[in-house]
Amino acid sequence: MFAKRWWQRAYKQFKLKQCEFEALNYLVVDIELTGLDAKQSEIVSIAWLAIEAGRIDLSSAQYHIHKDVKALEQSPVYHGIDDGMLKEGESLEYIMRALSQALYNKVLVCHSALDWPFLKQASVMTGIAVEPQTMVDTMEIEKKRLQSRGQPIAGDGLTLASCRKRYHLPDYQTHHALTDALATAELLLAQVNAMNAGKRIKLADLM
């Protein structure tokens, strides 16, 4: 029984990866954190928006602040969210329920797979399933593109801002979840356009 389920999942993923980019729906997610340890650090804010038919759907954008953060520590230096702003936020359960609904039947997109362990941890804590079809990492896409060209990668060469500069995308204020989600969505579309070169891009080309 286990082997059968494994093969079913593997076949489903194989079929998914053969889909053309524009045939799938995506949810681009960004989170701001108190630190980088998924077991100790907390989600401070989270935002997302959808890409459908190869276009960013601004009407789908959502931004949430997690009101129950126990200790912001030094993180406000980066994301600017203080204790007063937390009081106007929402519970993690509310946020995860909204994310779960938004992510239904979509591919999760993040700039860095680091976000995924935090989302999984939040899913466990709240008991609310977060089940994307699969995940695309714009940082990993860029890393592979640079490596395939034999280009050296500087220490900060894969930050969201650095990746965007290669595609002549405008500078945005960083460390705001909604702005970063939009910036990541624009980066993904720019990457797909650059990879196109007269051929149809499949999901597998991004993984």
C-alpha atoms as a PDB file:
ATOM      1  CA  MET A   1       0.000   0.000   0.000  1.00  0.00           C
ATOM      2  CA  PHE A   2       2.799   2.408   0.901  1.00  0.00           C
ATOM      3  CA  ALA A   3       4.614   1.662  -2.363  1.00  0.00           C
ATOM      4  CA  LYS A   4       1.435   2.276  -4.344  1.00  0.00           C
ATOM      5  CA  ARG A   5       0.857   5.659  -2.698  1.00  0.00           C
ATOM      6  CA  TRP A   6       4.497   6.597  -3.277  1.00  0.00           C
ATOM      7  CA  TRP A   7       4.258   5.797  -6.976  1.00  0.00           C
ATOM      8  CA  GLN A   8       0.984   7.690  -7.270  1.00  0.00           C
ATOM      9  CA  ARG A   9       2.556  10.785  -5.715  1.00  0.00           C
ATOM     10  CA  ALA A  10       5.679  10.440  -7.857  1.00  0.00           C
ATOM     11  CA  TYR A  11       3.619  10.100 -11.049  1.00  0.00           C
ATOM     12  CA  LYS A  12       1.490  13.099 -10.086  1.00  0.00           C
ATOM     13  CA  GLN A  13       4.631  15.191  -9.561  1.00  0.00           C
ATOM     14  CA  PHE A  14       6.074  13.994 -12.878  1.00  0.00           C
ATOM     15  CA  LYS A  15       2.917  15.011 -14.740  1.00  0.00           C
ATOM     16  CA  LEU A  16       2.863  18.354 -12.945  1.00  0.00           C
ATOM     17  CA  LYS A  17       6.440  19.132 -13.971  1.00  0.00           C
ATOM     18  CA  GLN A  18       5.560  18.569 -17.635  1.00  0.00           C
ATOM     19  CA  CYS A  19       2.955  21.330 -17.521  1.00  0.00           C
ATOM     20  CA  GLU A  20       3.788  24.575 -19.269  1.00  0.00           C
ATOM     21  CA  PHE A  21       4.484  27.491 -16.953  1.00  0.00           C
ATOM     22  CA  GLU A  22       1.402  29.478 -17.912  1.00  0.00           C
ATOM     23  CA  ALA A  23      -0.891  26.477 -17.482  1.00  0.00           C
ATOM     24  CA  LEU A  24      -0.378  26.480 -13.709  1.00  0.00           C
ATOM     25  CA  ASN A  25      -1.345  28.845 -10.924  1.00  0.00           C
ATOM     26  CA  TYR A  26       1.229  30.076  -8.411  1.00  0.00           C
ATOM     27  CA  LEU A  27       1.149  31.683  -4.983  1.00  0.00           C
ATOM     28  CA  VAL A  28       4.185  33.835  -4.235  1.00  0.00           C
ATOM     29  CA  VAL A  29       4.809  34.014  -0.486  1.00  0.00           C
ATOM     30  CA  ASP A  30       7.219  36.043   1.625  1.00  0.00           C
ATOM     31  CA  ILE A  31       7.623  36.005   5.394  1.00  0.00           C
ATOM     32  CA  GLU A  32       9.474  38.224   7.851  1.00  0.00           C
ATOM     33  CA  LEU A  33      10.971  36.488  10.881  1.00  0.00           C
ATOM     34  CA  THR A  34      12.493  37.045  14.295  1.00  0.00           C
ATOM     35  CA  GLY A  35      15.421  34.809  13.309  1.00  0.00           C
ATOM     36  CA  LEU A  36      16.499  31.968  11.042  1.00  0.00           C
ATOM     37  CA  ASP A  37      15.853  28.905  13.236  1.00  0.00           C
ATOM     38  CA  ALA A  38      12.465  27.420  12.324  1.00  0.00           C
ATOM     39  CA  LYS A  39      12.192  25.691  15.711  1.00  0.00           C
ATOM     40  CA  GLN A  40      13.007  28.771  17.788  1.00  0.00           C
ATOM     41  CA  SER A  41      12.237  31.839  15.677  1.00  0.00           C
ATOM     42  CA  GLU A  42       8.776  33.134  14.837  1.00  0.00           C
ATOM     43  CA  ILE A  43       6.858  34.449  11.861  1.00  0.00           C
ATOM     44  CA  VAL A  44       6.300  38.189  12.332  1.00  0.00           C
ATOM     45  CA  SER A  45       4.495  38.943   9.083  1.00  0.00           C
ATOM     46  CA  ILE A  46       3.524  37.133   5.920  1.00  0.00           C
ATOM     47  CA  ALA A  47       2.211  38.208   2.544  1.00  0.00           C
ATOM     48  CA  TRP A  48       1.274  36.576  -0.716  1.00  0.00           C
ATOM     49  CA  LEU A  49      -0.161  37.149  -4.156  1.00  0.00           C
ATOM     50  CA  ALA A  50      -1.050  34.921  -7.079  1.00  0.00           C
ATOM     51  CA  ILE A  51       0.294  34.484 -10.590  1.00  0.00           C
ATOM     52  CA  GLU A  52      -2.328  33.140 -12.983  1.00  0.00           C
ATOM     53  CA  ALA A  53      -1.952  32.604 -16.731  1.00  0.00           C
ATOM     54  CA  GLY A  54       1.523  34.121 -16.493  1.00  0.00           C
ATOM     55  CA  ARG A  55       0.288  37.395 -14.969  1.00  0.00           C
ATOM     56  CA  ILE A  56       0.494  38.819 -11.463  1.00  0.00           C
ATOM     57  CA  ASP A  57      -2.950  39.177  -9.893  1.00  0.00           C
ATOM     58  CA  LEU A  58      -2.640  42.202  -7.604  1.00  0.00           C
ATOM     59  CA  SER A  59      -6.229  41.743  -6.416  1.00  0.00           C
ATOM     60  CA  SER A  60      -5.158  38.488  -4.731  1.00  0.00           C
ATOM     61  CA  ALA A  61      -2.578  40.201  -2.503  1.00  0.00           C
ATOM     62  CA  GLN A  62      -2.838  39.697   1.250  1.00  0.00           C
ATOM     63  CA  TYR A  63      -0.651  40.976   4.080  1.00  0.00           C
ATOM     64  CA  HIS A  64      -0.854  39.757   7.679  1.00  0.00           C
ATOM     65  CA  ILE A  65       0.954  40.569  10.919  1.00  0.00           C
ATOM     66  CA  HIS A  66       1.161  37.818  13.534  1.00  0.00           C
ATOM     67  CA  LYS A  67      -0.053  39.336  16.798  1.00  0.00           C
ATOM     68  CA  ASP A  68       1.204  36.604  19.144  1.00  0.00           C
ATOM     69  CA  VAL A  69       4.951  36.946  18.548  1.00  0.00           C
ATOM     70  CA  LYS A  70       6.606  36.305  21.912  1.00  0.00           C
ATOM     71  CA  ALA A  71       9.880  38.179  21.380  1.00  0.00           C
ATOM     72  CA  LEU A  72      10.757  40.459  18.463  1.00  0.00           C
ATOM     73  CA  GLU A  73      14.351  40.732  19.724  1.00  0.00           C
ATOM     74  CA  GLN A  74      16.441  42.662  17.159  1.00  0.00           C
ATOM     75  CA  SER A  75      14.236  41.829  14.157  1.00  0.00           C
ATOM     76  CA  PRO A  76      12.462  45.257  13.999  1.00  0.00           C
ATOM     77  CA  VAL A  77      15.763  46.656  12.723  1.00  0.00           C
ATOM     78  CA  TYR A  78      15.049  44.731   9.510  1.00  0.00           C
ATOM     79  CA  HIS A  79      11.282  44.569   9.055  1.00  0.00           C
ATOM     80  CA  GLY A  80      10.222  47.640  11.060  1.00  0.00           C
ATOM     81  CA  ILE A  81       7.373  45.915  12.908  1.00  0.00           C
ATOM     82  CA  ASP A  82       7.192  46.860  16.585  1.00  0.00           C
ATOM     83  CA  ASP A  83       5.083  45.745  19.555  1.00  0.00           C
ATOM     84  CA  GLY A  84       2.437  48.367  18.841  1.00  0.00           C
ATOM     85  CA  MET A  85       1.934  47.032  15.325  1.00  0.00           C
ATOM     86  CA  LEU A  86       1.703  43.465  16.624  1.00  0.00           C
ATOM     87  CA  LYS A  87      -1.362  44.420  18.669  1.00  0.00           C
ATOM     88  CA  GLU A  88      -3.200  45.209  15.436  1.00  0.00           C
ATOM     89  CA  GLY A  89      -2.307  41.820  13.963  1.00  0.00           C
ATOM     90  CA  GLU A  90      -4.054  38.463  13.716  1.00  0.00           C
ATOM     91  CA  SER A  91      -3.640  35.033  15.250  1.00  0.00           C
ATOM     92  CA  LEU A  92      -1.389  32.490  13.572  1.00  0.00           C
ATOM     93  CA  GLU A  93      -4.415  30.203  13.158  1.00  0.00           C
ATOM     94  CA  TYR A  94      -6.297  32.884  11.227  1.00  0.00           C
ATOM     95  CA  ILE A  95      -3.292  33.598   9.032  1.00  0.00           C
ATOM     96  CA  MET A  96      -2.568  29.948   8.277  1.00  0.00           C
ATOM     97  CA  ARG A  97      -6.200  29.277   7.435  1.00  0.00           C
ATOM     98  CA  ALA A  98      -6.145  32.144   4.940  1.00  0.00           C
ATOM     99  CA  LEU A  99      -2.857  30.887   3.481  1.00  0.00           C
ATOM    100  CA  SER A 100      -4.143  27.326   3.200  1.00  0.00           C
ATOM    101  CA  GLN A 101      -7.150  28.533   1.211  1.00  0.00           C
ATOM    102  CA  ALA A 102      -5.055  30.792  -1.015  1.00  0.00           C
ATOM    103  CA  LEU A 103      -2.539  28.024  -1.710  1.00  0.00           C
ATOM    104  CA  TYR A 104      -5.112  25.438  -2.772  1.00  0.00           C
ATOM    105  CA  ASN A 105      -4.219  23.910  -6.145  1.00  0.00           C
ATOM    106  CA  LYS A 106      -1.258  26.258  -6.589  1.00  0.00           C
ATOM    107  CA  VAL A 107       2.518  26.036  -6.819  1.00  0.00           C
ATOM    108  CA  LEU A 108       4.278  27.763  -3.917  1.00  0.00           C
ATOM    109  CA  VAL A 109       6.915  30.322  -4.933  1.00  0.00           C
ATOM    110  CA  CYS A 110       9.504  31.743  -2.516  1.00  0.00           C
ATOM    111  CA  HIS A 111      12.844  33.487  -2.819  1.00  0.00           C
ATOM    112  CA  SER A 112      14.820  30.953  -0.763  1.00  0.00           C
ATOM    113  CA  ALA A 113      13.604  27.600   0.453  1.00  0.00           C
ATOM    114  CA  LEU A 114      14.285  28.895   3.980  1.00  0.00           C
ATOM    115  CA  ASP A 115      10.655  30.030   4.179  1.00  0.00           C
ATOM    116  CA  TRP A 116       9.267  26.517   3.761  1.00  0.00           C
ATOM    117  CA  PRO A 117      10.417  25.075   7.143  1.00  0.00           C
ATOM    118  CA  PHE A 118       8.733  28.015   8.893  1.00  0.00           C
ATOM    119  CA  LEU A 119       5.492  27.409   7.025  1.00  0.00           C
ATOM    120  CA  LYS A 120       5.621  23.708   7.865  1.00  0.00           C
ATOM    121  CA  GLN A 121       6.291  24.490  11.522  1.00  0.00           C
ATOM    122  CA  ALA A 122       3.356  26.910  11.600  1.00  0.00           C
ATOM    123  CA  SER A 123       1.211  24.232   9.982  1.00  0.00           C
ATOM    124  CA  VAL A 124       2.125  21.762  12.733  1.00  0.00           C
ATOM    125  CA  MET A 125       1.517  24.330  15.487  1.00  0.00           C
ATOM    126  CA  THR A 126      -1.933  25.279  14.211  1.00  0.00           C
ATOM    127  CA  GLY A 127      -3.033  21.932  12.800  1.00  0.00           C
ATOM    128  CA  ILE A 128      -3.849  23.641   9.500  1.00  0.00           C
ATOM    129  CA  ALA A 129      -2.518  21.882   6.409  1.00  0.00           C
ATOM    130  CA  VAL A 130      -0.399  23.831   3.944  1.00  0.00           C
ATOM    131  CA  GLU A 131      -0.190  21.668   0.837  1.00  0.00           C
ATOM    132  CA  PRO A 132       1.128  23.326  -2.317  1.00  0.00           C
ATOM    133  CA  GLN A 133       1.285  21.280  -5.493  1.00  0.00           C
ATOM    134  CA  THR A 134       5.049  21.748  -5.347  1.00  0.00           C
ATOM    135  CA  MET A 135       7.526  24.551  -4.679  1.00  0.00           C
ATOM    136  CA  VAL A 136       9.608  26.861  -6.887  1.00  0.00           C
ATOM    137  CA  ASP A 137      12.570  28.790  -5.448  1.00  0.00           C
ATOM    138  CA  THR A 138      13.593  31.891  -7.427  1.00  0.00           C
ATOM    139  CA  MET A 139      16.948  31.989  -5.654  1.00  0.00           C
ATOM    140  CA  GLU A 140      17.703  28.439  -6.791  1.00  0.00           C
ATOM    141  CA  ILE A 141      16.586  29.257 -10.337  1.00  0.00           C
ATOM    142  CA  GLU A 142      19.032  32.154 -10.427  1.00  0.00           C
ATOM    143  CA  LYS A 143      21.844  30.090  -8.921  1.00  0.00           C
ATOM    144  CA  LYS A 144      21.447  27.404 -11.591  1.00  0.00           C
ATOM    145  CA  ARG A 145      21.305  29.984 -14.390  1.00  0.00           C
ATOM    146  CA  LEU A 146      24.530  31.624 -13.237  1.00  0.00           C
ATOM    147  CA  GLN A 147      26.297  28.293 -12.744  1.00  0.00           C
ATOM    148  CA  SER A 148      25.252  27.094 -16.200  1.00  0.00           C
ATOM    149  CA  ARG A 149      26.971  30.162 -17.661  1.00  0.00           C
ATOM    150  CA  GLY A 150      30.063  29.721 -15.532  1.00  0.00           C
ATOM    151  CA  GLN A 151      29.479  33.065 -13.848  1.00  0.00           C
ATOM    152  CA  PRO A 152      30.912  33.581 -10.350  1.00  0.00           C
ATOM    153  CA  ILE A 153      28.403  34.259  -7.584  1.00  0.00           C
ATOM    154  CA  ALA A 154      29.325  36.944  -5.064  1.00  0.00           C
ATOM    155  CA  GLY A 155      28.464  36.558  -1.395  1.00  0.00           C
ATOM    156  CA  ASP A 156      25.377  38.726  -1.814  1.00  0.00           C
ATOM    157  CA  GLY A 157      24.791  37.745  -5.415  1.00  0.00           C
ATOM    158  CA  LEU A 158      21.624  35.777  -4.766  1.00  0.00           C
ATOM    159  CA  THR A 159      19.735  38.265  -2.621  1.00  0.00           C
ATOM    160  CA  LEU A 160      16.365  39.292  -3.995  1.00  0.00           C
ATOM    161  CA  ALA A 161      17.675  42.763  -4.836  1.00  0.00           C
ATOM    162  CA  SER A 162      20.786  41.415  -6.588  1.00  0.00           C
ATOM    163  CA  CYS A 163      18.779  38.935  -8.647  1.00  0.00           C
ATOM    164  CA  ARG A 164      16.343  41.646  -9.727  1.00  0.00           C
ATOM    165  CA  LYS A 165      19.171  43.915 -10.892  1.00  0.00           C
ATOM    166  CA  ARG A 166      20.276  41.334 -13.456  1.00  0.00           C
ATOM    167  CA  TYR A 167      16.882  41.693 -15.128  1.00  0.00           C
ATOM    168  CA  HIS A 168      16.834  45.504 -14.840  1.00  0.00           C
ATOM    169  CA  LEU A 169      13.884  45.416 -12.468  1.00  0.00           C
ATOM    170  CA  PRO A 170      13.341  48.487 -10.256  1.00  0.00           C
ATOM    171  CA  ASP A 171      14.655  48.740  -6.712  1.00  0.00           C
ATOM    172  CA  TYR A 172      12.089  48.146  -3.974  1.00  0.00           C
ATOM    173  CA  GLN A 173      12.267  48.619  -0.235  1.00  0.00           C
ATOM    174  CA  THR A 174      13.248  45.220   1.171  1.00  0.00           C
ATOM    175  CA  HIS A 175      12.104  43.375   4.302  1.00  0.00           C
ATOM    176  CA  HIS A 176       8.439  44.202   3.897  1.00  0.00           C
ATOM    177  CA  ALA A 177       6.603  40.952   3.248  1.00  0.00           C
ATOM    178  CA  LEU A 178       4.142  42.293   0.674  1.00  0.00           C
ATOM    179  CA  THR A 179       6.750  44.285  -1.247  1.00  0.00           C
ATOM    180  CA  ASP A 180       9.086  41.288  -1.256  1.00  0.00           C
ATOM    181  CA  ALA A 181       6.294  38.977  -2.439  1.00  0.00           C
ATOM    182  CA  LEU A 182       5.605  41.305  -5.372  1.00  0.00           C
ATOM    183  CA  ALA A 183       9.340  41.627  -6.054  1.00  0.00           C
ATOM    184  CA  THR A 184       9.668  37.829  -6.103  1.00  0.00           C
ATOM    185  CA  ALA A 185       6.699  37.462  -8.452  1.00  0.00           C
ATOM    186  CA  GLU A 186       8.227  39.976 -10.866  1.00  0.00           C
ATOM    187  CA  LEU A 187      11.573  38.210 -10.643  1.00  0.00           C
ATOM    188  CA  LEU A 188      10.016  34.850 -11.488  1.00  0.00           C
ATOM    189  CA  LEU A 189       8.301  36.256 -14.574  1.00  0.00           C
ATOM    190  CA  ALA A 190      11.559  37.904 -15.656  1.00  0.00           C
ATOM    191  CA  GLN A 191      13.440  34.631 -15.198  1.00  0.00           C
ATOM    192  CA  VAL A 192      10.867  32.713 -17.220  1.00  0.00           C
ATOM    193  CA  ASN A 193      10.993  35.327 -19.982  1.00  0.00           C
ATOM    194  CA  ALA A 194      14.797  35.133 -20.097  1.00  0.00           C
ATOM    195  CA  MET A 195      14.700  31.336 -20.260  1.00  0.00           C
ATOM    196  CA  ASN A 196      12.063  31.298 -22.976  1.00  0.00           C
ATOM    197  CA  ALA A 197      14.316  31.845 -26.014  1.00  0.00           C
ATOM    198  CA  GLY A 198      11.591  30.729 -28.385  1.00  0.00           C
ATOM    199  CA  LYS A 199      10.585  27.614 -26.457  1.00  0.00           C
ATOM    200  CA  ARG A 200       7.777  26.838 -24.071  1.00  0.00           C
ATOM    201  CA  ILE A 201       8.937  26.770 -20.462  1.00  0.00           C
ATOM    202  CA  LYS A 202       7.764  23.825 -18.387  1.00  0.00           C
ATOM    203  CA  LEU A 203       7.586  23.714 -14.621  1.00  0.00           C
ATOM    204  CA  ALA A 204      10.454  21.197 -14.693  1.00  0.00           C
ATOM    205  CA  ASP A 205      12.695  23.909 -16.177  1.00  0.00           C
ATOM    206  CA  LEU A 206      12.289  25.894 -12.957  1.00  0.00           C
ATOM    207  CA  MET A 207      13.174  23.079 -10.575  1.00  0.00           C
END
